[in-house]
Amino acid sequence: MYEIWLMLNIVWEIALGVWPLLLVAALAWLALMGTAWRTAGAHWRAGLLPAFLIGGGAAVAAFMLVPGSLRSTLSDMGYWLDWATLLGLAAAMGGAVAAFIWPLFAWQRGRAQT
């Protein structure tokens, strides 16, 4: 249990250091969502499947590339928390990619239908 709280504390401390970037990303995402919502209309869900597919591909790529970017390998991971962290990072990367891609696809589909 201590490791989980330590990991959450580390995430919080990193977020405190980059909060302006996180704020800009959140505002950009909200602007994308607002624009897509107004433009897409009934075609709002049309961009969901491609966004999930691209986000899933980004998650798989992150799963394979993150250990190397940290000067590690998959064979170095022997503790369950290492795997949980890697899976969480990959899922977060895939989710972020899907979240930013979804309004773009919805906006494109909505524009094509009008």
C-alpha atoms as a PDB file:
ATOM      1  CA  MET A   1       0.000   0.000   0.000  1.00  0.00           C
ATOM      2  CA  TYR A   2       2.889   2.337   0.728  1.00  0.00           C
ATOM      3  CA  GLU A   3       4.124   2.060  -2.872  1.00  0.00           C
ATOM      4  CA  ILE A   4       0.766   3.161  -4.261  1.00  0.00           C
ATOM      5  CA  TRP A   5       0.676   6.269  -2.050  1.00  0.00           C
ATOM      6  CA  LEU A   6       4.284   7.002  -2.943  1.00  0.00           C
ATOM      7  CA  MET A   7       3.457   6.749  -6.641  1.00  0.00           C
ATOM      8  CA  LEU A   8       0.439   9.053  -6.249  1.00  0.00           C
ATOM      9  CA  ASN A   9       2.571  11.549  -4.348  1.00  0.00           C
ATOM     10  CA  ILE A  10       5.175  11.499  -7.115  1.00  0.00           C
ATOM     11  CA  VAL A  11       2.483  12.088  -9.751  1.00  0.00           C
ATOM     12  CA  TRP A  12       1.124  15.000  -7.700  1.00  0.00           C
ATOM     13  CA  GLU A  13       4.563  16.571  -7.307  1.00  0.00           C
ATOM     14  CA  ILE A  14       5.266  16.253 -11.027  1.00  0.00           C
ATOM     15  CA  ALA A  15       1.863  17.782 -11.837  1.00  0.00           C
ATOM     16  CA  LEU A  16       2.624  20.725  -9.541  1.00  0.00           C
ATOM     17  CA  GLY A  17       5.784  21.383 -11.515  1.00  0.00           C
ATOM     18  CA  VAL A  18       4.068  21.400 -14.911  1.00  0.00           C
ATOM     19  CA  TRP A  19       0.643  22.786 -14.013  1.00  0.00           C
ATOM     20  CA  PRO A  20       0.809  25.604 -16.604  1.00  0.00           C
ATOM     21  CA  LEU A  21       1.271  23.034 -19.378  1.00  0.00           C
ATOM     22  CA  LEU A  22      -1.555  20.923 -17.986  1.00  0.00           C
ATOM     23  CA  LEU A  23      -3.782  23.996 -17.858  1.00  0.00           C
ATOM     24  CA  VAL A  24      -3.004  24.883 -21.497  1.00  0.00           C
ATOM     25  CA  ALA A  25      -3.690  21.284 -22.564  1.00  0.00           C
ATOM     26  CA  ALA A  26      -7.012  21.261 -20.684  1.00  0.00           C
ATOM     27  CA  LEU A  27      -8.078  24.571 -22.238  1.00  0.00           C
ATOM     28  CA  ALA A  28      -7.080  23.367 -25.707  1.00  0.00           C
ATOM     29  CA  TRP A  29      -9.090  20.178 -25.196  1.00  0.00           C
ATOM     30  CA  LEU A  30     -12.114  22.147 -24.029  1.00  0.00           C
ATOM     31  CA  ALA A  31     -11.857  24.399 -27.088  1.00  0.00           C
ATOM     32  CA  LEU A  32     -11.657  21.351 -29.357  1.00  0.00           C
ATOM     33  CA  MET A  33     -14.652  19.750 -27.649  1.00  0.00           C
ATOM     34  CA  GLY A  34     -16.701  22.946 -27.885  1.00  0.00           C
ATOM     35  CA  THR A  35     -15.921  23.444 -31.555  1.00  0.00           C
ATOM     36  CA  ALA A  36     -16.667  19.813 -32.391  1.00  0.00           C
ATOM     37  CA  TRP A  37     -19.890  19.848 -30.382  1.00  0.00           C
ATOM     38  CA  ARG A  38     -21.220  22.860 -32.277  1.00  0.00           C
ATOM     39  CA  THR A  39     -20.129  21.552 -35.681  1.00  0.00           C
ATOM     40  CA  ALA A  40     -20.735  17.811 -35.394  1.00  0.00           C
ATOM     41  CA  GLY A  41     -24.320  17.914 -34.159  1.00  0.00           C
ATOM     42  CA  ALA A  42     -25.821  14.447 -34.537  1.00  0.00           C
ATOM     43  CA  HIS A  43     -22.512  13.019 -35.794  1.00  0.00           C
ATOM     44  CA  TRP A  44     -20.824  13.466 -32.434  1.00  0.00           C
ATOM     45  CA  ARG A  45     -20.286   9.722 -31.910  1.00  0.00           C
ATOM     46  CA  ALA A  46     -18.962   9.197 -35.433  1.00  0.00           C
ATOM     47  CA  GLY A  47     -15.439  10.075 -34.345  1.00  0.00           C
ATOM     48  CA  LEU A  48     -15.436   7.779 -31.330  1.00  0.00           C
ATOM     49  CA  LEU A  49     -14.361   4.523 -32.997  1.00  0.00           C
ATOM     50  CA  PRO A  50     -11.418   5.983 -34.939  1.00  0.00           C
ATOM     51  CA  ALA A  51     -10.319   7.858 -31.826  1.00  0.00           C
ATOM     52  CA  PHE A  52     -10.370   4.672 -29.744  1.00  0.00           C
ATOM     53  CA  LEU A  53      -8.441   2.771 -32.415  1.00  0.00           C
ATOM     54  CA  ILE A  54      -5.760   5.438 -32.683  1.00  0.00           C
ATOM     55  CA  GLY A  55      -5.648   5.803 -28.892  1.00  0.00           C
ATOM     56  CA  GLY A  56      -5.251   2.039 -28.549  1.00  0.00           C
ATOM     57  CA  GLY A  57      -2.393   2.105 -31.027  1.00  0.00           C
ATOM     58  CA  ALA A  58      -0.777   4.935 -29.089  1.00  0.00           C
ATOM     59  CA  ALA A  59      -1.158   2.937 -25.860  1.00  0.00           C
ATOM     60  CA  VAL A  60       0.536  -0.101 -27.405  1.00  0.00           C
ATOM     61  CA  ALA A  61       3.317   2.091 -28.778  1.00  0.00           C
ATOM     62  CA  ALA A  62       3.750   3.754 -25.385  1.00  0.00           C
ATOM     63  CA  PHE A  63       3.875   0.342 -23.680  1.00  0.00           C
ATOM     64  CA  MET A  64       6.767  -0.626 -25.921  1.00  0.00           C
ATOM     65  CA  LEU A  65       8.602   2.722 -26.030  1.00  0.00           C
ATOM     66  CA  VAL A  66       8.353   4.067 -22.472  1.00  0.00           C
ATOM     67  CA  PRO A  67      10.840   1.613 -20.898  1.00  0.00           C
ATOM     68  CA  GLY A  68      13.452   2.421 -23.543  1.00  0.00           C
ATOM     69  CA  SER A  69      12.951   6.149 -23.092  1.00  0.00           C
ATOM     70  CA  LEU A  70      13.671   5.654 -19.386  1.00  0.00           C
ATOM     71  CA  ARG A  71      16.835   3.649 -20.155  1.00  0.00           C
ATOM     72  CA  SER A  72      15.240   0.400 -19.073  1.00  0.00           C
ATOM     73  CA  THR A  73      13.837  -2.720 -20.727  1.00  0.00           C
ATOM     74  CA  LEU A  74      10.796  -4.904 -20.251  1.00  0.00           C
ATOM     75  CA  SER A  75      13.080  -7.625 -18.868  1.00  0.00           C
ATOM     76  CA  ASP A  76      14.176  -5.288 -16.052  1.00  0.00           C
ATOM     77  CA  MET A  77      10.656  -5.167 -14.673  1.00  0.00           C
ATOM     78  CA  GLY A  78      10.329  -7.818 -12.008  1.00  0.00           C
ATOM     79  CA  TYR A  79       7.930  -6.254  -9.516  1.00  0.00           C
ATOM     80  CA  TRP A  80       4.161  -6.088 -10.053  1.00  0.00           C
ATOM     81  CA  LEU A  81       4.145  -2.370  -9.384  1.00  0.00           C
ATOM     82  CA  ASP A  82       6.568  -1.822 -12.276  1.00  0.00           C
ATOM     83  CA  TRP A  83       4.088  -3.497 -14.616  1.00  0.00           C
ATOM     84  CA  ALA A  84       1.147  -1.613 -13.117  1.00  0.00           C
ATOM     85  CA  THR A  85       2.987   1.687 -13.586  1.00  0.00           C
ATOM     86  CA  LEU A  86       3.873   0.875 -17.175  1.00  0.00           C
ATOM     87  CA  LEU A  87       0.304  -0.182 -17.959  1.00  0.00           C
ATOM     88  CA  GLY A  88      -1.018   2.983 -16.307  1.00  0.00           C
ATOM     89  CA  LEU A  89       1.374   5.215 -18.250  1.00  0.00           C
ATOM     90  CA  ALA A  90       0.500   3.491 -21.521  1.00  0.00           C
ATOM     91  CA  ALA A  91      -3.236   3.728 -20.810  1.00  0.00           C
ATOM     92  CA  ALA A  92      -2.904   7.405 -19.891  1.00  0.00           C
ATOM     93  CA  MET A  93      -1.014   8.113 -23.102  1.00  0.00           C
ATOM     94  CA  GLY A  94      -3.594   6.262 -25.185  1.00  0.00           C
ATOM     95  CA  GLY A  95      -6.438   8.018 -23.383  1.00  0.00           C
ATOM     96  CA  ALA A  96      -4.880  11.431 -23.920  1.00  0.00           C
ATOM     97  CA  VAL A  97      -4.369  10.756 -27.620  1.00  0.00           C
ATOM     98  CA  ALA A  98      -7.957   9.490 -27.975  1.00  0.00           C
ATOM     99  CA  ALA A  99      -9.315  12.485 -26.059  1.00  0.00           C
ATOM    100  CA  PHE A 100      -7.613  14.948 -28.405  1.00  0.00           C
ATOM    101  CA  ILE A 101      -8.339  12.982 -31.594  1.00  0.00           C
ATOM    102  CA  TRP A 102     -12.044  12.373 -30.894  1.00  0.00           C
ATOM    103  CA  PRO A 103     -13.281  15.976 -31.332  1.00  0.00           C
ATOM    104  CA  LEU A 104     -11.191  16.326 -34.487  1.00  0.00           C
ATOM    105  CA  PHE A 105     -12.816  13.272 -36.074  1.00  0.00           C
ATOM    106  CA  ALA A 106     -16.280  14.354 -34.900  1.00  0.00           C
ATOM    107  CA  TRP A 107     -15.709  17.840 -36.313  1.00  0.00           C
ATOM    108  CA  GLN A 108     -14.498  16.378 -39.630  1.00  0.00           C
ATOM    109  CA  ARG A 109     -17.497  14.029 -39.918  1.00  0.00           C
ATOM    110  CA  GLY A 110     -19.932  16.764 -38.975  1.00  0.00           C
ATOM    111  CA  ARG A 111     -18.446  19.139 -41.533  1.00  0.00           C
ATOM    112  CA  ALA A 112     -18.558  16.482 -44.245  1.00  0.00           C
ATOM    113  CA  GLN A 113     -22.257  15.821 -43.589  1.00  0.00           C
ATOM    114  CA  THR A 114     -23.344  19.459 -43.918  1.00  0.00           C
END
